[in-house]
Amino acid sequence: MAYTITLKAGLKDVVLPNGNRYQGGDVVILSDEQYGQMTASARTAVVQSATVVPVPAS
């Protein structure tokens, strides 16, 4: 699985578990592992919405 997340508006220079820096309103795809590294409080602070995206079998 992966997650498509939208960061809350107004945020600046948010570093996510994938190591990249983002701004408020950005839409980011994180792996299940990366999303799981975020604490519940971090998710509440920075994530506006999150959608599970199935990863196609290889």
C-alpha atoms as a PDB file:
ATOM      1  CA  MET A   1       0.000   0.000   0.000  1.00  0.00           C
ATOM      2  CA  ALA A   2       0.899   3.609  -0.353  1.00  0.00           C
ATOM      3  CA  TYR A   3      -0.709   6.804   0.888  1.00  0.00           C
ATOM      4  CA  THR A   4      -1.498   9.973  -0.999  1.00  0.00           C
ATOM      5  CA  ILE A   5      -1.452  12.779   1.538  1.00  0.00           C
ATOM      6  CA  THR A   6      -2.244  16.453   1.256  1.00  0.00           C
ATOM      7  CA  LEU A   7      -0.405  18.728   3.655  1.00  0.00           C
ATOM      8  CA  LYS A   8      -2.302  21.380   5.581  1.00  0.00           C
ATOM      9  CA  ALA A   9      -2.290  24.832   4.019  1.00  0.00           C
ATOM     10  CA  GLY A  10       0.128  27.370   5.429  1.00  0.00           C
ATOM     11  CA  LEU A  11       2.855  24.936   6.426  1.00  0.00           C
ATOM     12  CA  LYS A  12       6.422  25.618   5.349  1.00  0.00           C
ATOM     13  CA  ASP A  13       9.434  23.356   4.988  1.00  0.00           C
ATOM     14  CA  VAL A  14       7.847  20.154   6.290  1.00  0.00           C
ATOM     15  CA  VAL A  15      10.276  17.231   6.115  1.00  0.00           C
ATOM     16  CA  LEU A  16       8.501  13.904   5.691  1.00  0.00           C
ATOM     17  CA  PRO A  17       9.921  10.403   6.321  1.00  0.00           C
ATOM     18  CA  ASN A  18      10.945  10.130   2.652  1.00  0.00           C
ATOM     19  CA  GLY A  19      13.557  12.806   3.412  1.00  0.00           C
ATOM     20  CA  ASN A  20      12.091  15.481   1.143  1.00  0.00           C
ATOM     21  CA  ARG A  21      10.916  18.971   2.099  1.00  0.00           C
ATOM     22  CA  TYR A  22       7.367  20.119   1.260  1.00  0.00           C
ATOM     23  CA  GLN A  23       5.114  23.143   1.593  1.00  0.00           C
ATOM     24  CA  GLY A  24       1.501  23.421   2.728  1.00  0.00           C
ATOM     25  CA  GLY A  25      -0.984  22.179   0.140  1.00  0.00           C
ATOM     26  CA  ASP A  26       1.498  19.809  -1.499  1.00  0.00           C
ATOM     27  CA  VAL A  27       0.232  16.358  -2.443  1.00  0.00           C
ATOM     28  CA  VAL A  28       2.732  13.608  -1.627  1.00  0.00           C
ATOM     29  CA  ILE A  29       2.800   9.835  -2.060  1.00  0.00           C
ATOM     30  CA  LEU A  30       4.382   7.951   0.827  1.00  0.00           C
ATOM     31  CA  SER A  31       4.962   4.232   1.103  1.00  0.00           C
ATOM     32  CA  ASP A  32       3.190   2.318   3.848  1.00  0.00           C
ATOM     33  CA  GLU A  33       6.491   2.151   5.737  1.00  0.00           C
ATOM     34  CA  GLN A  34       7.109   5.921   5.441  1.00  0.00           C
ATOM     35  CA  TYR A  35       3.560   6.765   6.518  1.00  0.00           C
ATOM     36  CA  GLY A  36       3.914   4.387   9.470  1.00  0.00           C
ATOM     37  CA  GLN A  37       7.033   6.222  10.634  1.00  0.00           C
ATOM     38  CA  MET A  38       4.955   9.332  11.303  1.00  0.00           C
ATOM     39  CA  THR A  39       3.592   9.582  14.828  1.00  0.00           C
ATOM     40  CA  ALA A  40      -0.123  10.150  15.296  1.00  0.00           C
ATOM     41  CA  SER A  41       0.591  13.678  16.550  1.00  0.00           C
ATOM     42  CA  ALA A  42       2.735  14.451  13.486  1.00  0.00           C
ATOM     43  CA  ARG A  43      -0.039  13.232  11.183  1.00  0.00           C
ATOM     44  CA  THR A  44      -2.548  15.424  13.007  1.00  0.00           C
ATOM     45  CA  ALA A  45      -0.228  18.433  12.765  1.00  0.00           C
ATOM     46  CA  VAL A  46       0.634  18.231   9.066  1.00  0.00           C
ATOM     47  CA  VAL A  47      -1.815  16.006   7.170  1.00  0.00           C
ATOM     48  CA  GLN A  48      -5.004  17.567   5.806  1.00  0.00           C
ATOM     49  CA  SER A  49      -6.159  14.326   4.175  1.00  0.00           C
ATOM     50  CA  ALA A  50      -4.801  10.859   3.483  1.00  0.00           C
ATOM     51  CA  THR A  51      -5.993   8.283   0.973  1.00  0.00           C
ATOM     52  CA  VAL A  52      -4.817   4.688   0.724  1.00  0.00           C
ATOM     53  CA  VAL A  53      -3.571   3.852  -2.757  1.00  0.00           C
ATOM     54  CA  PRO A  54      -3.207   0.184  -3.659  1.00  0.00           C
ATOM     55  CA  VAL A  55       0.143  -0.689  -5.191  1.00  0.00           C
ATOM     56  CA  PRO A  56      -0.165  -2.954  -8.229  1.00  0.00           C
ATOM     57  CA  ALA A  57       1.356  -6.402  -7.897  1.00  0.00           C
ATOM     58  CA  SER A  58       4.609  -6.809  -9.788  1.00  0.00           C
END
